[in-house]
Amino acid sequence: MLQHGPLLERLLAGDFICRITDEDAYRHLSNEQTQQDINHYLRPLNRRLVSNDDQSVYFLGYYELSKEAREQLSQQFAQTVQSLLPLLEWLQLVQETLGRDSALTAGDTIKLQEFVLRTEDNQSLRQRLNTLASDRFFNSQSEQLDSQVKLIFRRLKEHGYLLQPHADRQYYIVTGKIDYLIDVIRFIRDEEHLPVEDTPQQEALL
């Protein structure tokens, strides 16, 4: 398992691995033999390698839902719910602002300046962005549009939803964790009946 050591450490630390964040690691995890090797190693830890339905992102899940696993999942679920609505609003905002016909998915590129310029020209979008930026998930203290947008994108990068290939260039690539997020939103909407509103915009997004 030494050849998989660094990869296992990342997975156990909670990393989501996709083609965008690490193409080599993603290719290794897509290999059936590697999956079997990793799962064999993780079995005593009650963990296993899982992916979303589209297999665009890999992460760890539990092998059996023990009491401890249920407690951990409950904590993770509570954290996800807290960030769910601001993330959903951000997805909708990007889709509307950039005139996209479909939801963001892994590999999509967002140019920060284009997003700022289009938002500046629409008072409704500006108001929504201002509300979103002040949400505790993003916690912006600024009233300047440019600063608000930069903070939102920086926070999304910190949480693994966006990748910034070059620190000096203001464009971002959507990672596979967005695909995972949308799957979670659909599950919550369909199974848990939590407050994800069925507005026309959200129906189009989901």
N, C-alpha and C. Protein backbone atom coordinates (compact mmCIF):
# COMPACT_ATOMS: atom_id res chain seq x y z
N MET A 1 0.82 -1.21 0.00
CA MET A 1 0.00 0.00 0.00
C MET A 1 0.85 1.26 0.00
N LEU A 2 2.19 1.10 0.05
CA LEU A 2 3.04 2.28 0.12
C LEU A 2 2.83 3.20 -1.08
N GLN A 3 2.57 2.60 -2.27
CA GLN A 3 2.39 3.42 -3.46
C GLN A 3 1.13 4.26 -3.39
N HIS A 4 0.19 3.84 -2.54
CA HIS A 4 -1.05 4.60 -2.39
C HIS A 4 -1.07 5.45 -1.13
N GLY A 5 0.07 5.46 -0.39
CA GLY A 5 0.11 6.15 0.89
C GLY A 5 -0.34 7.61 0.86
N PRO A 6 0.28 8.46 0.02
CA PRO A 6 -0.11 9.87 -0.02
C PRO A 6 -1.58 10.06 -0.42
N LEU A 7 -2.05 9.21 -1.32
CA LEU A 7 -3.44 9.29 -1.77
C LEU A 7 -4.39 8.93 -0.63
N LEU A 8 -4.04 7.90 0.12
CA LEU A 8 -4.86 7.50 1.27
C LEU A 8 -4.90 8.59 2.33
N GLU A 9 -3.76 9.24 2.56
CA GLU A 9 -3.72 10.32 3.55
C GLU A 9 -4.67 11.45 3.15
N ARG A 10 -4.68 11.77 1.88
CA ARG A 10 -5.58 12.84 1.40
C ARG A 10 -7.04 12.45 1.56
N LEU A 11 -7.35 11.23 1.20
CA LEU A 11 -8.74 10.77 1.32
C LEU A 11 -9.19 10.74 2.78
N LEU A 12 -8.31 10.24 3.66
CA LEU A 12 -8.65 10.16 5.08
C LEU A 12 -8.77 11.55 5.71
N ALA A 13 -8.11 12.53 5.10
CA ALA A 13 -8.20 13.92 5.58
C ALA A 13 -9.46 14.61 5.08
N GLY A 14 -10.23 13.91 4.22
CA GLY A 14 -11.49 14.47 3.75
C GLY A 14 -11.44 15.08 2.37
N ASP A 15 -10.37 14.85 1.63
CA ASP A 15 -10.25 15.42 0.28
C ASP A 15 -11.27 14.81 -0.67
N PHE A 16 -11.71 15.62 -1.62
CA PHE A 16 -12.52 15.18 -2.75
C PHE A 16 -11.61 15.24 -3.97
N ILE A 17 -11.42 14.12 -4.64
CA ILE A 17 -10.45 14.05 -5.73
C ILE A 17 -11.17 13.86 -7.06
N CYS A 18 -10.89 14.77 -7.96
CA CYS A 18 -11.51 14.71 -9.30
C CYS A 18 -10.46 14.98 -10.36
N ARG A 19 -10.86 14.93 -11.59
CA ARG A 19 -9.93 15.15 -12.71
C ARG A 19 -9.36 16.57 -12.68
N ILE A 20 -10.11 17.52 -12.13
CA ILE A 20 -9.68 18.91 -12.11
C ILE A 20 -8.63 19.16 -11.03
N THR A 21 -8.87 18.63 -9.84
CA THR A 21 -7.96 18.90 -8.72
C THR A 21 -6.66 18.10 -8.82
N ASP A 22 -6.73 16.89 -9.37
CA ASP A 22 -5.53 16.04 -9.48
C ASP A 22 -5.80 14.94 -10.49
N GLU A 23 -5.42 15.17 -11.72
CA GLU A 23 -5.75 14.23 -12.80
C GLU A 23 -5.10 12.87 -12.60
N ASP A 24 -3.84 12.85 -12.13
CA ASP A 24 -3.15 11.58 -11.92
C ASP A 24 -3.82 10.77 -10.82
N ALA A 25 -4.13 11.43 -9.69
CA ALA A 25 -4.78 10.72 -8.59
C ALA A 25 -6.16 10.23 -9.01
N TYR A 26 -6.88 11.05 -9.77
CA TYR A 26 -8.21 10.65 -10.25
C TYR A 26 -8.10 9.42 -11.15
N ARG A 27 -7.10 9.40 -12.02
CA ARG A 27 -6.92 8.26 -12.91
C ARG A 27 -6.62 6.98 -12.11
N HIS A 28 -5.79 7.11 -11.08
CA HIS A 28 -5.49 5.96 -10.22
C HIS A 28 -6.76 5.45 -9.54
N LEU A 29 -7.56 6.36 -9.03
CA LEU A 29 -8.77 5.95 -8.31
C LEU A 29 -9.83 5.38 -9.24
N SER A 30 -9.72 5.67 -10.53
CA SER A 30 -10.67 5.13 -11.50
C SER A 30 -10.34 3.69 -11.87
N ASN A 31 -9.16 3.23 -11.47
CA ASN A 31 -8.71 1.87 -11.78
C ASN A 31 -9.34 0.89 -10.78
N GLU A 32 -9.95 -0.16 -11.30
CA GLU A 32 -10.67 -1.10 -10.45
C GLU A 32 -9.76 -1.80 -9.45
N GLN A 33 -8.54 -2.16 -9.87
CA GLN A 33 -7.62 -2.83 -8.96
C GLN A 33 -7.19 -1.90 -7.82
N THR A 34 -6.95 -0.63 -8.17
CA THR A 34 -6.59 0.35 -7.14
C THR A 34 -7.73 0.53 -6.15
N GLN A 35 -8.95 0.55 -6.64
CA GLN A 35 -10.12 0.67 -5.76
C GLN A 35 -10.18 -0.50 -4.79
N GLN A 36 -9.94 -1.71 -5.31
CA GLN A 36 -9.97 -2.90 -4.45
C GLN A 36 -8.86 -2.86 -3.40
N ASP A 37 -7.66 -2.42 -3.82
CA ASP A 37 -6.53 -2.33 -2.89
C ASP A 37 -6.82 -1.34 -1.77
N ILE A 38 -7.33 -0.18 -2.15
CA ILE A 38 -7.62 0.86 -1.17
C ILE A 38 -8.74 0.44 -0.22
N ASN A 39 -9.77 -0.17 -0.76
CA ASN A 39 -10.87 -0.62 0.09
C ASN A 39 -10.44 -1.74 1.04
N HIS A 40 -9.54 -2.60 0.57
CA HIS A 40 -9.02 -3.67 1.44
C HIS A 40 -8.27 -3.06 2.63
N TYR A 41 -7.48 -2.03 2.34
CA TYR A 41 -6.73 -1.37 3.40
C TYR A 41 -7.66 -0.62 4.37
N LEU A 42 -8.70 0.00 3.83
CA LEU A 42 -9.59 0.85 4.63
C LEU A 42 -10.61 0.06 5.44
N ARG A 43 -10.84 -1.19 5.07
CA ARG A 43 -11.90 -1.98 5.72
C ARG A 43 -11.78 -2.00 7.25
N PRO A 44 -10.58 -2.24 7.83
CA PRO A 44 -10.48 -2.22 9.30
C PRO A 44 -10.81 -0.86 9.91
N LEU A 45 -10.74 0.20 9.10
CA LEU A 45 -11.05 1.55 9.58
C LEU A 45 -12.53 1.89 9.37
N ASN A 46 -13.27 0.91 8.85
CA ASN A 46 -14.69 1.11 8.55
C ASN A 46 -14.90 2.23 7.53
N ARG A 47 -13.99 2.33 6.58
CA ARG A 47 -14.12 3.33 5.52
C ARG A 47 -14.02 2.62 4.18
N ARG A 48 -14.52 3.28 3.15
CA ARG A 48 -14.42 2.74 1.79
C ARG A 48 -14.44 3.89 0.79
N LEU A 49 -13.90 3.61 -0.37
CA LEU A 49 -13.87 4.60 -1.44
C LEU A 49 -15.22 4.64 -2.14
N VAL A 50 -15.76 5.82 -2.32
CA VAL A 50 -17.04 5.98 -3.01
C VAL A 50 -16.92 7.11 -4.03
N SER A 51 -17.89 7.18 -4.93
CA SER A 51 -17.93 8.26 -5.92
C SER A 51 -19.38 8.67 -6.11
N ASN A 52 -19.56 9.80 -6.79
CA ASN A 52 -20.92 10.19 -7.13
C ASN A 52 -21.41 9.36 -8.31
N ASP A 53 -22.66 9.53 -8.70
CA ASP A 53 -23.26 8.70 -9.75
C ASP A 53 -22.50 8.80 -11.07
N ASP A 54 -21.97 10.00 -11.36
CA ASP A 54 -21.26 10.21 -12.62
C ASP A 54 -19.79 9.81 -12.53
N GLN A 55 -19.36 9.39 -11.35
CA GLN A 55 -17.96 9.03 -11.11
C GLN A 55 -17.01 10.17 -11.51
N SER A 56 -17.44 11.40 -11.25
CA SER A 56 -16.60 12.56 -11.56
C SER A 56 -15.77 12.98 -10.35
N VAL A 57 -16.06 12.40 -9.17
CA VAL A 57 -15.32 12.75 -7.97
C VAL A 57 -15.30 11.56 -7.00
N TYR A 58 -14.16 11.35 -6.36
CA TYR A 58 -13.99 10.26 -5.39
C TYR A 58 -13.75 10.84 -4.00
N PHE A 59 -14.27 10.14 -2.99
CA PHE A 59 -14.09 10.55 -1.60
C PHE A 59 -14.37 9.32 -0.74
N LEU A 60 -14.23 9.46 0.56
CA LEU A 60 -14.44 8.32 1.45
C LEU A 60 -15.82 8.32 2.08
N GLY A 61 -16.38 7.13 2.20
CA GLY A 61 -17.61 6.93 2.94
C GLY A 61 -17.37 5.85 3.98
N TYR A 62 -18.41 5.49 4.70
CA TYR A 62 -18.29 4.45 5.73
C TYR A 62 -18.68 3.09 5.15
N TYR A 63 -18.00 2.05 5.62
CA TYR A 63 -18.32 0.70 5.17
C TYR A 63 -19.61 0.22 5.85
N GLU A 64 -19.69 0.42 7.15
CA GLU A 64 -20.90 0.08 7.90
C GLU A 64 -21.31 1.28 8.74
N LEU A 65 -22.61 1.49 8.87
CA LEU A 65 -23.11 2.62 9.64
C LEU A 65 -23.20 2.26 11.13
N SER A 66 -22.04 2.25 11.76
CA SER A 66 -21.99 2.01 13.20
C SER A 66 -22.49 3.26 13.93
N LYS A 67 -22.60 3.16 15.24
CA LYS A 67 -23.05 4.31 16.03
C LYS A 67 -22.11 5.49 15.84
N GLU A 68 -20.81 5.22 15.88
CA GLU A 68 -19.82 6.28 15.70
C GLU A 68 -19.92 6.90 14.31
N ALA A 69 -20.11 6.04 13.29
CA ALA A 69 -20.23 6.53 11.92
C ALA A 69 -21.48 7.40 11.77
N ARG A 70 -22.57 6.99 12.39
CA ARG A 70 -23.80 7.78 12.32
C ARG A 70 -23.63 9.15 12.97
N GLU A 71 -22.89 9.19 14.07
CA GLU A 71 -22.64 10.47 14.73
C GLU A 71 -21.80 11.38 13.85
N GLN A 72 -20.78 10.81 13.23
CA GLN A 72 -19.95 11.59 12.32
C GLN A 72 -20.75 12.10 11.13
N LEU A 73 -21.57 11.22 10.57
CA LEU A 73 -22.39 11.62 9.42
C LEU A 73 -23.39 12.69 9.81
N SER A 74 -23.94 12.60 11.01
CA SER A 74 -24.90 13.61 11.48
C SER A 74 -24.23 14.98 11.57
N GLN A 75 -22.99 15.00 12.07
CA GLN A 75 -22.26 16.26 12.16
C GLN A 75 -21.97 16.82 10.76
N GLN A 76 -21.52 15.95 9.86
CA GLN A 76 -21.23 16.39 8.50
C GLN A 76 -22.50 16.88 7.81
N PHE A 77 -23.61 16.18 8.05
CA PHE A 77 -24.88 16.55 7.43
C PHE A 77 -25.33 17.92 7.93
N ALA A 78 -25.17 18.16 9.24
CA ALA A 78 -25.56 19.45 9.81
C ALA A 78 -24.74 20.58 9.21
N GLN A 79 -23.44 20.34 9.02
CA GLN A 79 -22.58 21.36 8.42
C GLN A 79 -22.97 21.61 6.97
N THR A 80 -23.32 20.54 6.26
CA THR A 80 -23.73 20.69 4.86
C THR A 80 -25.01 21.49 4.75
N VAL A 81 -25.97 21.22 5.63
CA VAL A 81 -27.25 21.93 5.59
C VAL A 81 -27.04 23.42 5.85
N GLN A 82 -26.14 23.76 6.78
CA GLN A 82 -25.88 25.16 7.11
C GLN A 82 -25.35 25.92 5.90
N SER A 83 -24.53 25.27 5.09
CA SER A 83 -23.95 25.94 3.93
C SER A 83 -24.76 25.74 2.66
N LEU A 84 -25.78 24.92 2.75
CA LEU A 84 -26.51 24.51 1.56
C LEU A 84 -27.17 25.67 0.82
N LEU A 85 -27.95 26.48 1.54
CA LEU A 85 -28.71 27.54 0.88
C LEU A 85 -27.82 28.61 0.26
N PRO A 86 -26.77 29.10 0.96
CA PRO A 86 -25.89 30.06 0.28
C PRO A 86 -25.18 29.47 -0.94
N LEU A 87 -24.79 28.19 -0.89
CA LEU A 87 -24.15 27.58 -2.04
C LEU A 87 -25.13 27.42 -3.20
N LEU A 88 -26.36 27.06 -2.88
CA LEU A 88 -27.39 26.93 -3.91
C LEU A 88 -27.68 28.28 -4.55
N GLU A 89 -27.74 29.33 -3.73
CA GLU A 89 -27.96 30.68 -4.26
C GLU A 89 -26.80 31.11 -5.15
N TRP A 90 -25.57 30.75 -4.75
CA TRP A 90 -24.42 31.10 -5.58
C TRP A 90 -24.48 30.38 -6.93
N LEU A 91 -24.86 29.11 -6.92
CA LEU A 91 -24.99 28.37 -8.17
C LEU A 91 -26.01 29.02 -9.10
N GLN A 92 -27.13 29.42 -8.53
CA GLN A 92 -28.18 30.07 -9.33
C GLN A 92 -27.70 31.42 -9.86
N LEU A 93 -27.00 32.15 -9.00
CA LEU A 93 -26.53 33.48 -9.36
C LEU A 93 -25.55 33.41 -10.53
N VAL A 94 -24.63 32.45 -10.47
CA VAL A 94 -23.67 32.28 -11.56
C VAL A 94 -24.39 31.89 -12.84
N GLN A 95 -25.33 30.99 -12.73
CA GLN A 95 -26.07 30.52 -13.91
C GLN A 95 -26.82 31.68 -14.57
N GLU A 96 -27.49 32.50 -13.78
CA GLU A 96 -28.26 33.62 -14.32
C GLU A 96 -27.36 34.74 -14.83
N THR A 97 -26.32 35.06 -14.06
CA THR A 97 -25.43 36.16 -14.43
C THR A 97 -24.69 35.89 -15.73
N LEU A 98 -24.22 34.67 -15.90
CA LEU A 98 -23.43 34.32 -17.08
C LEU A 98 -24.29 33.77 -18.22
N GLY A 99 -25.62 33.71 -17.99
CA GLY A 99 -26.53 33.27 -19.05
C GLY A 99 -26.36 31.82 -19.43
N ARG A 100 -26.06 30.98 -18.46
CA ARG A 100 -25.86 29.56 -18.74
C ARG A 100 -27.21 28.85 -18.83
N ASP A 101 -27.27 27.83 -19.69
CA ASP A 101 -28.49 27.05 -19.84
C ASP A 101 -28.57 25.90 -18.84
N SER A 102 -27.45 25.55 -18.24
CA SER A 102 -27.44 24.41 -17.32
C SER A 102 -26.60 24.74 -16.09
N ALA A 103 -26.69 23.88 -15.08
CA ALA A 103 -25.94 24.10 -13.84
C ALA A 103 -24.45 23.90 -14.07
N LEU A 104 -23.66 24.50 -13.19
CA LEU A 104 -22.21 24.30 -13.25
C LEU A 104 -21.87 22.84 -13.03
N THR A 105 -20.81 22.40 -13.66
CA THR A 105 -20.33 21.04 -13.45
C THR A 105 -18.81 21.05 -13.54
N ALA A 106 -18.19 19.97 -13.12
CA ALA A 106 -16.72 19.89 -13.08
C ALA A 106 -16.11 20.24 -14.44
N GLY A 107 -15.11 21.12 -14.43
CA GLY A 107 -14.42 21.51 -15.65
C GLY A 107 -14.87 22.84 -16.21
N ASP A 108 -16.02 23.34 -15.77
CA ASP A 108 -16.49 24.65 -16.23
C ASP A 108 -15.55 25.74 -15.72
N THR A 109 -15.39 26.79 -16.53
CA THR A 109 -14.52 27.91 -16.18
C THR A 109 -15.35 29.16 -15.90
N ILE A 110 -15.00 29.87 -14.85
CA ILE A 110 -15.67 31.13 -14.51
C ILE A 110 -14.62 32.22 -14.49
N LYS A 111 -14.82 33.26 -15.29
CA LYS A 111 -13.92 34.42 -15.30
C LYS A 111 -14.46 35.45 -14.32
N LEU A 112 -13.67 35.76 -13.32
CA LEU A 112 -14.11 36.64 -12.24
C LEU A 112 -14.54 38.00 -12.76
N GLN A 113 -13.76 38.59 -13.64
CA GLN A 113 -14.06 39.94 -14.12
C GLN A 113 -15.36 39.96 -14.92
N GLU A 114 -15.60 38.94 -15.71
CA GLU A 114 -16.85 38.86 -16.47
C GLU A 114 -18.04 38.79 -15.52
N PHE A 115 -17.89 38.02 -14.46
CA PHE A 115 -18.97 37.90 -13.47
C PHE A 115 -19.23 39.24 -12.80
N VAL A 116 -18.16 39.95 -12.44
CA VAL A 116 -18.30 41.26 -11.78
C VAL A 116 -18.98 42.26 -12.71
N LEU A 117 -18.53 42.34 -13.95
CA LEU A 117 -19.08 43.32 -14.90
C LEU A 117 -20.57 43.08 -15.17
N ARG A 118 -20.95 41.83 -15.31
CA ARG A 118 -22.36 41.52 -15.58
C ARG A 118 -23.23 41.79 -14.36
N THR A 119 -22.67 41.58 -13.18
CA THR A 119 -23.43 41.85 -11.96
C THR A 119 -23.60 43.35 -11.75
N GLU A 120 -22.57 44.12 -12.07
CA GLU A 120 -22.61 45.58 -11.92
C GLU A 120 -23.75 46.20 -12.72
N ASP A 121 -24.04 45.62 -13.85
CA ASP A 121 -25.03 46.20 -14.77
C ASP A 121 -26.46 45.81 -14.44
N ASN A 122 -26.66 45.02 -13.38
CA ASN A 122 -28.00 44.54 -13.04
C ASN A 122 -28.25 44.75 -11.55
N GLN A 123 -29.14 45.69 -11.24
CA GLN A 123 -29.38 46.04 -9.84
C GLN A 123 -29.91 44.86 -9.04
N SER A 124 -30.76 44.07 -9.63
CA SER A 124 -31.31 42.91 -8.93
C SER A 124 -30.22 41.91 -8.57
N LEU A 125 -29.31 41.65 -9.52
CA LEU A 125 -28.21 40.72 -9.25
C LEU A 125 -27.27 41.29 -8.19
N ARG A 126 -27.07 42.61 -8.21
CA ARG A 126 -26.20 43.24 -7.22
C ARG A 126 -26.78 43.07 -5.81
N GLN A 127 -28.07 43.26 -5.69
CA GLN A 127 -28.71 43.13 -4.39
C GLN A 127 -28.61 41.69 -3.88
N ARG A 128 -28.84 40.74 -4.78
CA ARG A 128 -28.74 39.33 -4.39
C ARG A 128 -27.31 38.98 -3.98
N LEU A 129 -26.34 39.50 -4.73
CA LEU A 129 -24.94 39.23 -4.39
C LEU A 129 -24.58 39.84 -3.04
N ASN A 130 -25.08 41.03 -2.78
CA ASN A 130 -24.80 41.69 -1.51
C ASN A 130 -25.36 40.87 -0.34
N THR A 131 -26.57 40.36 -0.52
CA THR A 131 -27.18 39.51 0.50
C THR A 131 -26.38 38.22 0.69
N LEU A 132 -25.97 37.63 -0.41
CA LEU A 132 -25.20 36.39 -0.35
C LEU A 132 -23.86 36.59 0.34
N ALA A 133 -23.18 37.68 0.00
CA ALA A 133 -21.85 37.94 0.56
C ALA A 133 -21.90 38.13 2.08
N SER A 134 -23.01 38.67 2.57
CA SER A 134 -23.14 38.92 4.01
C SER A 134 -23.59 37.68 4.79
N ASP A 135 -23.98 36.61 4.07
CA ASP A 135 -24.34 35.37 4.73
C ASP A 135 -23.16 34.88 5.57
N ARG A 136 -23.42 34.23 6.69
CA ARG A 136 -22.33 33.84 7.59
C ARG A 136 -21.38 32.83 6.97
N PHE A 137 -21.82 32.13 5.93
CA PHE A 137 -20.91 31.20 5.26
C PHE A 137 -19.77 31.95 4.58
N PHE A 138 -20.08 33.13 4.00
CA PHE A 138 -19.07 33.95 3.34
C PHE A 138 -18.58 35.07 4.26
N ASN A 139 -19.51 35.67 5.01
CA ASN A 139 -19.18 36.64 6.06
C ASN A 139 -18.39 37.84 5.56
N SER A 140 -18.84 38.44 4.47
CA SER A 140 -18.18 39.64 3.95
C SER A 140 -18.59 40.86 4.76
N GLN A 141 -17.61 41.71 5.06
CA GLN A 141 -17.87 42.96 5.77
C GLN A 141 -17.81 44.16 4.82
N SER A 142 -17.55 43.88 3.56
CA SER A 142 -17.38 44.95 2.57
C SER A 142 -18.69 45.27 1.85
N GLU A 143 -18.81 46.51 1.42
CA GLU A 143 -19.95 46.92 0.60
C GLU A 143 -19.56 47.08 -0.87
N GLN A 144 -18.28 46.85 -1.17
CA GLN A 144 -17.78 46.96 -2.53
C GLN A 144 -17.99 45.65 -3.29
N LEU A 145 -18.62 45.76 -4.45
CA LEU A 145 -18.95 44.57 -5.23
C LEU A 145 -17.72 43.73 -5.54
N ASP A 146 -16.65 44.36 -6.00
CA ASP A 146 -15.45 43.63 -6.37
C ASP A 146 -14.88 42.84 -5.18
N SER A 147 -14.85 43.46 -4.02
CA SER A 147 -14.34 42.80 -2.82
C SER A 147 -15.24 41.65 -2.40
N GLN A 148 -16.55 41.85 -2.51
CA GLN A 148 -17.50 40.79 -2.16
C GLN A 148 -17.32 39.57 -3.05
N VAL A 149 -17.20 39.80 -4.34
CA VAL A 149 -17.05 38.68 -5.29
C VAL A 149 -15.74 37.94 -5.03
N LYS A 150 -14.66 38.68 -4.82
CA LYS A 150 -13.37 38.03 -4.56
C LYS A 150 -13.42 37.18 -3.30
N LEU A 151 -14.09 37.68 -2.25
CA LEU A 151 -14.20 36.91 -1.02
C LEU A 151 -15.01 35.64 -1.23
N ILE A 152 -16.13 35.75 -1.95
CA ILE A 152 -16.98 34.58 -2.21
C ILE A 152 -16.19 33.52 -2.96
N PHE A 153 -15.48 33.92 -3.99
CA PHE A 153 -14.72 32.95 -4.79
C PHE A 153 -13.55 32.38 -3.98
N ARG A 154 -12.94 33.19 -3.14
CA ARG A 154 -11.86 32.68 -2.30
C ARG A 154 -12.37 31.64 -1.31
N ARG A 155 -13.51 31.90 -0.72
CA ARG A 155 -14.11 30.95 0.22
C ARG A 155 -14.47 29.65 -0.49
N LEU A 156 -15.00 29.74 -1.69
CA LEU A 156 -15.36 28.54 -2.44
C LEU A 156 -14.11 27.75 -2.83
N LYS A 157 -13.03 28.45 -3.10
CA LYS A 157 -11.76 27.77 -3.38
C LYS A 157 -11.26 27.06 -2.12
N GLU A 158 -11.35 27.73 -0.97
CA GLU A 158 -10.92 27.13 0.30
C GLU A 158 -11.71 25.87 0.62
N HIS A 159 -12.98 25.84 0.25
CA HIS A 159 -13.83 24.69 0.54
C HIS A 159 -13.76 23.61 -0.56
N GLY A 160 -12.94 23.85 -1.59
CA GLY A 160 -12.71 22.82 -2.59
C GLY A 160 -13.68 22.79 -3.74
N TYR A 161 -14.55 23.80 -3.86
CA TYR A 161 -15.52 23.81 -4.96
C TYR A 161 -14.93 24.44 -6.23
N LEU A 162 -13.91 25.27 -6.06
CA LEU A 162 -13.26 25.93 -7.20
C LEU A 162 -11.75 25.73 -7.11
N LEU A 163 -11.12 25.73 -8.28
CA LEU A 163 -9.66 25.66 -8.37
C LEU A 163 -9.19 26.91 -9.14
N GLN A 164 -8.19 27.58 -8.61
CA GLN A 164 -7.59 28.73 -9.30
C GLN A 164 -6.23 28.31 -9.82
N PRO A 165 -6.12 28.00 -11.11
CA PRO A 165 -4.86 27.45 -11.64
C PRO A 165 -3.67 28.38 -11.48
N HIS A 166 -3.90 29.71 -11.58
CA HIS A 166 -2.81 30.68 -11.49
C HIS A 166 -3.21 31.78 -10.52
N ALA A 167 -2.41 31.98 -9.48
CA ALA A 167 -2.76 32.94 -8.44
C ALA A 167 -2.88 34.36 -8.97
N ASP A 168 -2.16 34.67 -10.05
CA ASP A 168 -2.18 36.03 -10.58
C ASP A 168 -3.20 36.22 -11.70
N ARG A 169 -3.99 35.19 -11.97
CA ARG A 169 -5.01 35.29 -13.03
C ARG A 169 -6.37 34.97 -12.42
N GLN A 170 -7.32 35.87 -12.64
CA GLN A 170 -8.62 35.78 -11.96
C GLN A 170 -9.64 34.95 -12.75
N TYR A 171 -9.32 33.67 -12.88
CA TYR A 171 -10.34 32.76 -13.41
C TYR A 171 -10.26 31.46 -12.60
N TYR A 172 -11.40 30.80 -12.54
CA TYR A 172 -11.53 29.62 -11.69
C TYR A 172 -12.14 28.47 -12.47
N ILE A 173 -11.76 27.25 -12.09
CA ILE A 173 -12.32 26.05 -12.70
C ILE A 173 -13.13 25.31 -11.65
N VAL A 174 -14.33 24.91 -12.02
CA VAL A 174 -15.22 24.19 -11.12
C VAL A 174 -14.69 22.77 -10.91
N THR A 175 -14.67 22.31 -9.67
CA THR A 175 -14.18 20.96 -9.37
C THR A 175 -15.35 19.97 -9.26
N GLY A 176 -14.99 18.69 -9.13
CA GLY A 176 -16.01 17.65 -9.00
C GLY A 176 -16.80 17.74 -7.71
N LYS A 177 -16.32 18.51 -6.75
CA LYS A 177 -17.06 18.63 -5.49
C LYS A 177 -18.40 19.34 -5.71
N ILE A 178 -18.49 20.14 -6.77
CA ILE A 178 -19.77 20.77 -7.12
C ILE A 178 -20.77 19.69 -7.53
N ASP A 179 -20.31 18.69 -8.30
CA ASP A 179 -21.20 17.59 -8.69
C ASP A 179 -21.71 16.85 -7.45
N TYR A 180 -20.81 16.64 -6.50
CA TYR A 180 -21.19 16.00 -5.23
C TYR A 180 -22.23 16.86 -4.50
N LEU A 181 -22.00 18.17 -4.46
CA LEU A 181 -22.92 19.09 -3.78
C LEU A 181 -24.32 19.01 -4.39
N ILE A 182 -24.39 19.02 -5.70
CA ILE A 182 -25.70 18.97 -6.37
C ILE A 182 -26.40 17.64 -6.09
N ASP A 183 -25.63 16.56 -6.03
CA ASP A 183 -26.22 15.27 -5.65
C ASP A 183 -26.79 15.33 -4.24
N VAL A 184 -26.07 15.97 -3.31
CA VAL A 184 -26.54 16.12 -1.93
C VAL A 184 -27.82 16.95 -1.89
N ILE A 185 -27.84 18.03 -2.66
CA ILE A 185 -29.03 18.89 -2.71
C ILE A 185 -30.23 18.10 -3.21
N ARG A 186 -30.04 17.31 -4.24
CA ARG A 186 -31.14 16.51 -4.78
C ARG A 186 -31.63 15.49 -3.75
N PHE A 187 -30.68 14.88 -3.04
CA PHE A 187 -31.05 13.90 -2.01
C PHE A 187 -31.87 14.57 -0.92
N ILE A 188 -31.40 15.72 -0.45
CA ILE A 188 -32.11 16.43 0.61
C ILE A 188 -33.50 16.84 0.14
N ARG A 189 -33.57 17.32 -1.08
CA ARG A 189 -34.88 17.74 -1.60
C ARG A 189 -35.84 16.57 -1.71
N ASP A 190 -35.34 15.44 -2.19
CA ASP A 190 -36.22 14.30 -2.47
C ASP A 190 -36.50 13.42 -1.26
N GLU A 191 -35.49 13.30 -0.37
CA GLU A 191 -35.60 12.33 0.72
C GLU A 191 -35.83 12.96 2.09
N GLU A 192 -35.20 14.10 2.33
CA GLU A 192 -35.23 14.65 3.68
C GLU A 192 -36.23 15.79 3.83
N HIS A 193 -36.71 16.33 2.70
CA HIS A 193 -37.71 17.39 2.71
C HIS A 193 -37.25 18.60 3.53
N LEU A 194 -35.97 18.93 3.38
CA LEU A 194 -35.45 20.11 4.04
C LEU A 194 -35.70 21.33 3.16
N PRO A 195 -35.47 22.55 3.69
CA PRO A 195 -35.94 23.76 2.98
C PRO A 195 -35.15 24.12 1.74
N VAL A 196 -35.25 23.28 0.73
CA VAL A 196 -34.77 23.63 -0.60
C VAL A 196 -36.01 23.92 -1.44
N GLU A 197 -36.20 25.19 -1.75
CA GLU A 197 -37.44 25.60 -2.38
C GLU A 197 -37.52 25.13 -3.83
N ASP A 198 -38.73 24.80 -4.25
CA ASP A 198 -38.93 24.36 -5.63
C ASP A 198 -39.33 25.54 -6.50
N THR A 199 -38.49 26.57 -6.55
CA THR A 199 -38.74 27.69 -7.44
C THR A 199 -38.39 27.26 -8.85
N PRO A 200 -38.89 27.95 -9.88
CA PRO A 200 -38.55 27.57 -11.25
C PRO A 200 -37.04 27.57 -11.48
N GLN A 201 -36.31 28.55 -10.87
CA GLN A 201 -34.87 28.61 -11.07
C GLN A 201 -34.20 27.38 -10.48
N GLN A 202 -34.65 26.97 -9.29
CA GLN A 202 -34.03 25.81 -8.66
C GLN A 202 -34.41 24.53 -9.39
N GLU A 203 -35.60 24.46 -9.90
CA GLU A 203 -35.98 23.28 -10.68
C GLU A 203 -35.07 23.14 -11.89
N ALA A 204 -34.76 24.28 -12.55
CA ALA A 204 -33.88 24.23 -13.72
C ALA A 204 -32.47 23.84 -13.31
N LEU A 205 -32.04 24.31 -12.14
CA LEU A 205 -30.70 24.01 -11.66
C LEU A 205 -30.55 22.54 -11.31
N LEU A 206 -31.57 21.97 -10.66
CA LEU A 206 -31.49 20.60 -10.18
C LEU A 206 -32.08 19.61 -11.15
